[in-house]
Amino acid sequence: MKMSDSKVKVAVRVRPMNRREIELNTKCILEMEDNQTVLHPPPSNTKGENRKTPKVFAFDYCFWSMDESNVTQYAGQEVVFKCLGEGILENAFQGYNACVFAYGQTGNLILSFLEPMER
């Protein structure tokens, strides 16, 4: 097992806007660059707006899946799997315990445990 595959990895992925968000002309307030996610304050409805500064968060991986037309930044399923899934599966196939913990966009908690296969 490689040391880089033996630690907890934290990733964030920005999903595409859903139909309701598109119909409401919702503005994306996130930016991603390398392993950083920038959360900009939402637009204010008041005239004397008190603009807050953007908040910057660092993760092991940041995946931009908002817009497929942004080819240089877009991360599809294959990219996410290559960065996160391959190492987990390889370790599981070697007999190590592995766990994937994901929190979905709908608010559903998703747990998936990968156990070593019987040979």
N, C-alpha and C. Protein backbone atom coordinates (compact mmCIF):
# COMPACT_ATOMS: atom_id res chain seq x y z
N MET A 1 0.85 -1.19 0.00
CA MET A 1 0.00 0.00 0.00
C MET A 1 0.88 1.24 0.00
N LYS A 2 0.59 2.18 -0.88
CA LYS A 2 1.32 3.42 -0.93
C LYS A 2 0.89 4.32 0.23
N MET A 3 1.83 5.05 0.79
CA MET A 3 1.49 5.95 1.90
C MET A 3 0.47 6.99 1.49
N SER A 4 0.53 7.47 0.25
CA SER A 4 -0.42 8.50 -0.19
C SER A 4 -1.85 7.98 -0.24
N ASP A 5 -2.01 6.66 -0.33
CA ASP A 5 -3.35 6.07 -0.37
C ASP A 5 -3.84 5.64 1.00
N SER A 6 -3.04 5.84 2.05
CA SER A 6 -3.40 5.31 3.35
C SER A 6 -4.06 6.34 4.26
N LYS A 7 -4.27 7.54 3.80
CA LYS A 7 -4.86 8.57 4.66
C LYS A 7 -6.27 8.91 4.21
N VAL A 8 -6.94 9.65 5.05
CA VAL A 8 -8.27 10.15 4.69
C VAL A 8 -8.10 11.27 3.68
N LYS A 9 -8.89 11.22 2.63
CA LYS A 9 -8.87 12.28 1.62
C LYS A 9 -10.22 12.98 1.64
N VAL A 10 -10.18 14.29 1.51
CA VAL A 10 -11.41 15.07 1.52
C VAL A 10 -11.53 15.78 0.18
N ALA A 11 -12.68 15.59 -0.46
CA ALA A 11 -12.92 16.19 -1.77
C ALA A 11 -14.26 16.90 -1.77
N VAL A 12 -14.38 17.88 -2.63
CA VAL A 12 -15.65 18.59 -2.81
C VAL A 12 -15.92 18.64 -4.32
N ARG A 13 -17.19 18.50 -4.66
CA ARG A 13 -17.58 18.52 -6.07
C ARG A 13 -18.79 19.43 -6.23
N VAL A 14 -18.69 20.38 -7.14
CA VAL A 14 -19.81 21.28 -7.42
C VAL A 14 -20.65 20.67 -8.53
N ARG A 15 -21.91 20.45 -8.24
CA ARG A 15 -22.84 19.84 -9.19
C ARG A 15 -23.41 20.90 -10.13
N PRO A 16 -23.97 20.46 -11.25
CA PRO A 16 -24.67 21.41 -12.13
C PRO A 16 -25.92 21.94 -11.43
N MET A 17 -26.34 23.11 -11.84
CA MET A 17 -27.58 23.67 -11.29
C MET A 17 -28.76 22.83 -11.76
N ASN A 18 -29.74 22.68 -10.90
CA ASN A 18 -30.94 21.95 -11.29
C ASN A 18 -31.90 22.88 -12.04
N ARG A 19 -32.98 22.33 -12.55
CA ARG A 19 -33.92 23.10 -13.37
C ARG A 19 -34.48 24.31 -12.60
N ARG A 20 -34.83 24.11 -11.35
CA ARG A 20 -35.39 25.21 -10.56
C ARG A 20 -34.38 26.35 -10.41
N GLU A 21 -33.14 26.00 -10.12
CA GLU A 21 -32.10 27.02 -9.97
C GLU A 21 -31.88 27.79 -11.27
N ILE A 22 -31.93 27.07 -12.38
CA ILE A 22 -31.77 27.72 -13.69
C ILE A 22 -32.94 28.66 -13.97
N GLU A 23 -34.18 28.20 -13.70
CA GLU A 23 -35.37 29.03 -13.94
C GLU A 23 -35.37 30.29 -13.08
N LEU A 24 -34.78 30.22 -11.89
CA LEU A 24 -34.72 31.38 -11.00
C LEU A 24 -33.51 32.27 -11.29
N ASN A 25 -32.76 31.94 -12.35
CA ASN A 25 -31.55 32.69 -12.71
C ASN A 25 -30.57 32.78 -11.54
N THR A 26 -30.42 31.68 -10.84
CA THR A 26 -29.53 31.62 -9.69
C THR A 26 -28.09 31.81 -10.15
N LYS A 27 -27.36 32.62 -9.41
CA LYS A 27 -25.96 32.88 -9.72
C LYS A 27 -25.08 31.94 -8.90
N CYS A 28 -24.11 31.32 -9.53
CA CYS A 28 -23.15 30.47 -8.83
C CYS A 28 -22.22 31.36 -8.01
N ILE A 29 -22.07 31.05 -6.74
CA ILE A 29 -21.23 31.87 -5.87
C ILE A 29 -19.94 31.13 -5.48
N LEU A 30 -19.63 30.08 -6.22
CA LEU A 30 -18.43 29.29 -5.97
C LEU A 30 -17.43 29.42 -7.10
N GLU A 31 -16.17 29.38 -6.74
CA GLU A 31 -15.08 29.28 -7.71
C GLU A 31 -14.15 28.19 -7.22
N MET A 32 -13.48 27.52 -8.13
CA MET A 32 -12.51 26.50 -7.75
C MET A 32 -11.23 26.71 -8.54
N GLU A 33 -10.13 26.57 -7.81
CA GLU A 33 -8.83 26.63 -8.45
C GLU A 33 -7.91 25.68 -7.70
N ASP A 34 -7.38 24.72 -8.42
CA ASP A 34 -6.53 23.68 -7.83
C ASP A 34 -7.27 23.02 -6.67
N ASN A 35 -6.70 23.07 -5.47
CA ASN A 35 -7.35 22.41 -4.34
C ASN A 35 -8.09 23.40 -3.43
N GLN A 36 -8.41 24.57 -3.96
CA GLN A 36 -9.13 25.56 -3.17
C GLN A 36 -10.51 25.85 -3.75
N THR A 37 -11.47 26.02 -2.84
CA THR A 37 -12.82 26.41 -3.21
C THR A 37 -13.09 27.76 -2.58
N VAL A 38 -13.51 28.72 -3.38
CA VAL A 38 -13.80 30.07 -2.89
C VAL A 38 -15.31 30.24 -2.87
N LEU A 39 -15.83 30.59 -1.71
CA LEU A 39 -17.25 30.84 -1.52
C LEU A 39 -17.45 32.34 -1.41
N HIS A 40 -18.08 32.91 -2.44
CA HIS A 40 -18.35 34.34 -2.45
C HIS A 40 -19.67 34.61 -1.73
N PRO A 41 -19.79 35.75 -1.06
CA PRO A 41 -21.07 36.06 -0.41
C PRO A 41 -22.16 36.23 -1.46
N PRO A 42 -23.38 35.80 -1.16
CA PRO A 42 -24.46 35.96 -2.13
C PRO A 42 -24.75 37.44 -2.36
N PRO A 43 -25.28 37.78 -3.54
CA PRO A 43 -25.60 39.19 -3.81
C PRO A 43 -26.61 39.71 -2.79
N SER A 44 -26.42 40.94 -2.40
CA SER A 44 -27.30 41.56 -1.42
C SER A 44 -28.45 42.27 -2.12
N ASN A 45 -29.62 42.28 -1.50
CA ASN A 45 -30.79 42.96 -2.06
C ASN A 45 -30.92 44.39 -1.56
N THR A 46 -30.05 44.79 -0.65
CA THR A 46 -30.17 46.14 -0.08
C THR A 46 -29.21 47.08 -0.77
N LYS A 47 -29.57 48.39 -0.75
CA LYS A 47 -28.74 49.41 -1.40
C LYS A 47 -27.40 49.59 -0.69
N GLY A 48 -27.43 49.77 0.61
CA GLY A 48 -26.21 49.97 1.37
C GLY A 48 -25.62 48.65 1.80
N GLU A 49 -25.34 47.82 0.82
CA GLU A 49 -24.92 46.45 1.14
C GLU A 49 -23.58 46.42 1.87
N ASN A 50 -23.51 45.55 2.82
CA ASN A 50 -22.30 45.33 3.59
C ASN A 50 -21.63 44.08 3.04
N ARG A 51 -20.77 44.24 2.04
CA ARG A 51 -20.15 43.09 1.38
C ARG A 51 -19.16 42.40 2.30
N LYS A 52 -19.35 41.13 2.45
CA LYS A 52 -18.42 40.32 3.21
C LYS A 52 -17.34 39.84 2.26
N THR A 53 -16.22 39.46 2.82
CA THR A 53 -15.13 38.96 1.98
C THR A 53 -15.38 37.49 1.65
N PRO A 54 -14.88 37.04 0.52
CA PRO A 54 -15.02 35.63 0.15
C PRO A 54 -14.31 34.73 1.17
N LYS A 55 -14.80 33.52 1.32
CA LYS A 55 -14.17 32.54 2.21
C LYS A 55 -13.49 31.49 1.34
N VAL A 56 -12.28 31.14 1.71
CA VAL A 56 -11.48 30.18 0.95
C VAL A 56 -11.30 28.91 1.77
N PHE A 57 -11.58 27.77 1.15
CA PHE A 57 -11.45 26.47 1.79
C PHE A 57 -10.50 25.62 0.97
N ALA A 58 -9.67 24.84 1.65
CA ALA A 58 -8.73 23.95 0.97
C ALA A 58 -9.15 22.49 1.20
N PHE A 59 -9.08 21.70 0.15
CA PHE A 59 -9.42 20.27 0.19
C PHE A 59 -8.31 19.50 -0.52
N ASP A 60 -8.33 18.20 -0.37
CA ASP A 60 -7.37 17.39 -1.13
C ASP A 60 -7.69 17.46 -2.63
N TYR A 61 -8.99 17.47 -2.94
CA TYR A 61 -9.44 17.56 -4.34
C TYR A 61 -10.64 18.48 -4.43
N CYS A 62 -10.68 19.27 -5.49
CA CYS A 62 -11.84 20.10 -5.80
C CYS A 62 -12.26 19.77 -7.24
N PHE A 63 -13.51 19.35 -7.39
CA PHE A 63 -14.01 18.95 -8.71
C PHE A 63 -15.11 19.91 -9.15
N TRP A 64 -14.93 20.51 -10.32
CA TRP A 64 -15.91 21.43 -10.89
C TRP A 64 -16.74 20.65 -11.90
N SER A 65 -17.98 20.35 -11.54
CA SER A 65 -18.87 19.63 -12.44
C SER A 65 -20.09 20.48 -12.79
N MET A 66 -19.96 21.78 -12.62
CA MET A 66 -21.06 22.71 -12.84
C MET A 66 -21.42 22.83 -14.32
N ASP A 67 -20.42 22.92 -15.18
CA ASP A 67 -20.67 23.27 -16.57
C ASP A 67 -19.74 22.49 -17.49
N GLU A 68 -20.31 21.55 -18.26
CA GLU A 68 -19.49 20.73 -19.17
C GLU A 68 -18.83 21.55 -20.27
N SER A 69 -19.38 22.72 -20.58
CA SER A 69 -18.79 23.53 -21.64
C SER A 69 -17.45 24.13 -21.23
N ASN A 70 -17.17 24.19 -19.94
CA ASN A 70 -15.88 24.65 -19.46
C ASN A 70 -14.93 23.46 -19.45
N VAL A 71 -14.44 23.11 -20.61
CA VAL A 71 -13.69 21.87 -20.82
C VAL A 71 -12.42 21.81 -19.96
N THR A 72 -11.74 22.92 -19.79
CA THR A 72 -10.48 22.90 -19.05
C THR A 72 -10.69 22.66 -17.56
N GLN A 73 -11.85 23.00 -17.03
CA GLN A 73 -12.09 22.87 -15.59
C GLN A 73 -13.05 21.73 -15.25
N TYR A 74 -13.86 21.29 -16.19
CA TYR A 74 -14.92 20.32 -15.91
C TYR A 74 -14.34 18.96 -15.48
N ALA A 75 -14.93 18.40 -14.40
CA ALA A 75 -14.53 17.08 -13.91
C ALA A 75 -15.73 16.15 -13.99
N GLY A 76 -15.67 15.19 -14.89
CA GLY A 76 -16.73 14.19 -15.03
C GLY A 76 -16.50 13.02 -14.09
N GLN A 77 -17.36 12.02 -14.20
CA GLN A 77 -17.27 10.84 -13.35
C GLN A 77 -15.91 10.16 -13.47
N GLU A 78 -15.37 10.10 -14.69
CA GLU A 78 -14.09 9.41 -14.90
C GLU A 78 -12.97 10.08 -14.13
N VAL A 79 -12.95 11.41 -14.12
CA VAL A 79 -11.91 12.14 -13.41
C VAL A 79 -12.02 11.90 -11.90
N VAL A 80 -13.24 11.98 -11.38
CA VAL A 80 -13.45 11.76 -9.95
C VAL A 80 -13.03 10.34 -9.56
N PHE A 81 -13.42 9.36 -10.37
CA PHE A 81 -13.05 7.98 -10.08
C PHE A 81 -11.54 7.79 -10.11
N LYS A 82 -10.88 8.37 -11.11
CA LYS A 82 -9.43 8.21 -11.23
C LYS A 82 -8.72 8.81 -10.01
N CYS A 83 -9.19 9.95 -9.54
CA CYS A 83 -8.54 10.61 -8.41
C CYS A 83 -8.86 9.95 -7.07
N LEU A 84 -10.07 9.45 -6.89
CA LEU A 84 -10.50 8.93 -5.60
C LEU A 84 -10.76 7.43 -5.58
N GLY A 85 -11.45 6.93 -6.57
CA GLY A 85 -11.90 5.54 -6.54
C GLY A 85 -10.84 4.50 -6.82
N GLU A 86 -9.93 4.78 -7.74
CA GLU A 86 -8.94 3.77 -8.13
C GLU A 86 -8.09 3.31 -6.95
N GLY A 87 -7.60 4.26 -6.16
CA GLY A 87 -6.75 3.91 -5.01
C GLY A 87 -7.51 3.12 -3.96
N ILE A 88 -8.76 3.51 -3.73
CA ILE A 88 -9.58 2.80 -2.75
C ILE A 88 -9.82 1.36 -3.20
N LEU A 89 -10.17 1.19 -4.46
CA LEU A 89 -10.41 -0.17 -4.97
C LEU A 89 -9.15 -1.01 -4.96
N GLU A 90 -8.04 -0.42 -5.34
CA GLU A 90 -6.78 -1.16 -5.35
C GLU A 90 -6.44 -1.65 -3.95
N ASN A 91 -6.58 -0.79 -2.96
CA ASN A 91 -6.30 -1.19 -1.58
C ASN A 91 -7.29 -2.26 -1.12
N ALA A 92 -8.55 -2.12 -1.48
CA ALA A 92 -9.55 -3.12 -1.10
C ALA A 92 -9.22 -4.48 -1.72
N PHE A 93 -8.80 -4.48 -2.99
CA PHE A 93 -8.45 -5.73 -3.66
C PHE A 93 -7.21 -6.38 -3.04
N GLN A 94 -6.36 -5.55 -2.41
CA GLN A 94 -5.17 -6.09 -1.73
C GLN A 94 -5.50 -6.58 -0.32
N GLY A 95 -6.75 -6.44 0.10
CA GLY A 95 -7.15 -6.96 1.39
C GLY A 95 -7.29 -5.93 2.49
N TYR A 96 -7.04 -4.66 2.18
CA TYR A 96 -7.18 -3.61 3.18
C TYR A 96 -8.64 -3.17 3.28
N ASN A 97 -9.03 -2.70 4.45
CA ASN A 97 -10.36 -2.14 4.61
C ASN A 97 -10.41 -0.79 3.90
N ALA A 98 -11.55 -0.48 3.32
CA ALA A 98 -11.71 0.79 2.63
C ALA A 98 -13.13 1.30 2.84
N CYS A 99 -13.29 2.59 2.86
CA CYS A 99 -14.60 3.18 3.09
C CYS A 99 -14.73 4.45 2.26
N VAL A 100 -15.89 4.62 1.66
CA VAL A 100 -16.21 5.86 0.95
C VAL A 100 -17.39 6.48 1.68
N PHE A 101 -17.25 7.73 2.05
CA PHE A 101 -18.31 8.46 2.72
C PHE A 101 -18.65 9.65 1.83
N ALA A 102 -19.90 9.75 1.43
CA ALA A 102 -20.30 10.84 0.54
C ALA A 102 -21.59 11.46 1.05
N TYR A 103 -21.69 12.75 0.87
CA TYR A 103 -22.91 13.47 1.23
C TYR A 103 -23.49 14.04 -0.05
N GLY A 104 -24.69 13.62 -0.41
CA GLY A 104 -25.26 13.98 -1.71
C GLY A 104 -25.96 15.33 -1.71
N GLN A 105 -26.17 15.83 -2.93
CA GLN A 105 -26.79 17.14 -3.12
C GLN A 105 -28.21 17.23 -2.61
N THR A 106 -28.89 16.13 -2.49
CA THR A 106 -30.28 16.15 -2.03
C THR A 106 -30.36 16.14 -0.51
N GLY A 107 -29.22 16.08 0.15
CA GLY A 107 -29.22 16.01 1.60
C GLY A 107 -29.27 14.59 2.12
N ASN A 108 -29.22 13.62 1.22
CA ASN A 108 -29.21 12.22 1.64
C ASN A 108 -27.80 11.80 2.01
N LEU A 109 -27.67 11.15 3.12
CA LEU A 109 -26.38 10.64 3.55
C LEU A 109 -26.13 9.31 2.85
N ILE A 110 -24.99 9.20 2.21
CA ILE A 110 -24.67 7.99 1.45
C ILE A 110 -23.42 7.36 2.05
N LEU A 111 -23.52 6.15 2.48
CA LEU A 111 -22.35 5.41 2.98
C LEU A 111 -22.14 4.19 2.11
N SER A 112 -20.91 3.94 1.76
CA SER A 112 -20.60 2.76 0.98
C SER A 112 -19.33 2.15 1.53
N PHE A 113 -19.40 0.90 1.91
CA PHE A 113 -18.22 0.22 2.42
C PHE A 113 -17.73 -0.77 1.38
N LEU A 114 -16.46 -0.73 1.15
CA LEU A 114 -15.83 -1.69 0.23
C LEU A 114 -15.07 -2.69 1.06
N GLU A 115 -15.40 -3.92 0.98
CA GLU A 115 -14.73 -4.96 1.75
C GLU A 115 -13.86 -5.79 0.82
N PRO A 116 -12.81 -6.37 1.37
CA PRO A 116 -11.94 -7.22 0.53
C PRO A 116 -12.74 -8.36 -0.08
N MET A 117 -12.44 -8.68 -1.32
CA MET A 117 -13.11 -9.79 -1.99
C MET A 117 -12.51 -11.10 -1.53
N GLU A 118 -13.34 -12.12 -1.44
CA GLU A 118 -12.85 -13.45 -1.12
C GLU A 118 -12.15 -14.01 -2.35
N ARG A 119 -11.00 -14.61 -2.16
CA ARG A 119 -10.27 -15.16 -3.31
C ARG A 119 -10.36 -16.63 -3.33
